[in-house]
Protein backbone atom coordinates (compact mmCIF):
# COMPACT_ATOMS: atom_id res chain seq x y z
CA MET A 1 9.85 -38.07 -31.82
CA ILE A 2 10.72 -35.76 -28.90
CA ILE A 3 9.36 -32.22 -28.82
CA VAL A 4 11.59 -29.69 -27.06
CA GLY A 5 11.46 -25.94 -26.72
CA VAL A 6 13.57 -23.07 -25.45
CA GLY A 7 12.12 -19.65 -24.69
CA ASN A 8 11.37 -16.92 -22.19
CA ASN A 9 9.13 -17.25 -19.17
CA MET A 10 7.40 -14.25 -17.54
CA VAL A 11 5.75 -14.45 -14.12
CA LYS A 12 4.02 -11.61 -12.26
CA LEU A 13 5.19 -11.70 -8.63
CA GLY A 14 2.92 -8.95 -7.31
CA ASP A 15 1.71 -5.36 -7.46
CA ALA A 16 4.11 -2.63 -6.39
CA GLY A 17 1.95 0.46 -6.05
CA TYR A 18 1.36 3.61 -8.12
CA TYR A 19 4.27 5.53 -9.66
CA LYS A 20 4.76 8.06 -12.45
CA CYS A 21 6.23 6.21 -15.42
CA PRO A 22 9.27 7.95 -16.95
CA ARG A 23 8.34 6.66 -20.41
CA CYS A 24 4.57 7.22 -20.83
CA HIS A 25 4.26 9.86 -18.05
CA ASN A 26 1.13 8.24 -16.59
CA GLU A 27 0.70 7.70 -12.88
CA CYS A 28 -0.26 4.05 -12.89
CA PRO A 29 0.22 0.76 -11.06
CA PHE A 30 3.57 -0.95 -11.43
CA CYS A 31 4.17 -4.65 -10.87
CA VAL A 32 7.18 -6.84 -10.12
CA MET A 33 7.95 -9.37 -12.86
CA GLU A 34 10.34 -12.34 -12.98
CA ILE A 35 11.74 -13.05 -16.45
CA SER A 36 13.81 -16.16 -17.08
CA LYS A 37 14.93 -18.51 -19.83
CA LYS A 38 13.29 -21.94 -19.89
CA PHE A 39 13.71 -25.36 -21.46
CA ASP A 40 10.66 -27.61 -22.05
CA VAL A 41 10.28 -31.24 -23.09
CA PHE A 42 6.77 -32.16 -24.29
CA TRP A 43 5.51 -28.80 -22.88
CA ILE A 44 6.77 -29.72 -19.40
CA PRO A 45 9.24 -27.22 -17.92
CA VAL A 46 12.54 -28.96 -17.24
CA ALA A 47 14.92 -26.10 -16.41
CA LYS A 48 14.95 -22.34 -15.75
CA TRP A 49 17.98 -20.09 -15.74
CA ASP A 50 19.04 -16.45 -16.03
CA LYS A 51 16.32 -15.14 -13.68
CA ARG A 52 15.94 -11.36 -13.67
CA TYR A 53 13.49 -9.15 -11.82
CA TYR A 54 11.86 -5.98 -13.16
CA LEU A 55 9.63 -3.20 -11.85
CA THR A 56 7.24 -2.71 -14.79
CA CYS A 57 4.64 -0.14 -15.86
CA THR A 58 1.29 -1.83 -16.53
CA ILE A 59 0.37 0.63 -19.31
CA CYS A 60 3.42 0.80 -21.59
CA SER A 61 5.42 -2.20 -20.22
CA TYR A 62 8.47 -0.03 -19.52
CA GLY A 63 10.54 -1.60 -16.79
CA TYR A 64 13.88 -1.54 -15.13
CA GLU A 65 15.83 -4.26 -13.42
CA ILE A 66 15.80 -4.58 -9.65
CA GLN A 67 17.73 -6.91 -7.37
CA LYS A 68 16.15 -10.05 -5.92
CA GLU A 69 16.61 -8.64 -2.42
CA GLU A 70 14.41 -5.63 -3.30
CA ILE A 71 11.34 -7.64 -4.37
CA ASN A 72 9.69 -7.84 -0.93
CA GLN A 73 10.30 -4.12 -0.34
CA TYR A 74 8.41 -3.17 -3.51
CA ILE A 75 5.58 -5.68 -3.13
CA LYS A 76 4.91 -5.02 0.59
CA THR A 77 5.32 -1.27 0.79
CA GLY A 78 5.00 -0.02 -2.76
CA ALA A 79 7.90 2.33 -2.11
CA GLY A 80 10.86 3.18 -4.19
CA VAL A 81 10.64 4.82 -7.60
């Protein structure tokens, strides 16, 4: 018997600074997240695809997509929104 799984994978890449969230209206820390699809065999990750990057509110989880090239700008300086 082989156990396989397909699902989503979320990884926090770093903190991005404090911004006012357009959804919950709190001034709170945002973080940069990587969300991708994954395929596992016996709970061992075999493949990842469809990577997307989001700037996300830590209170309400509202986020919007950013480009891969923008990640270092948000993590290092906390500037942008």
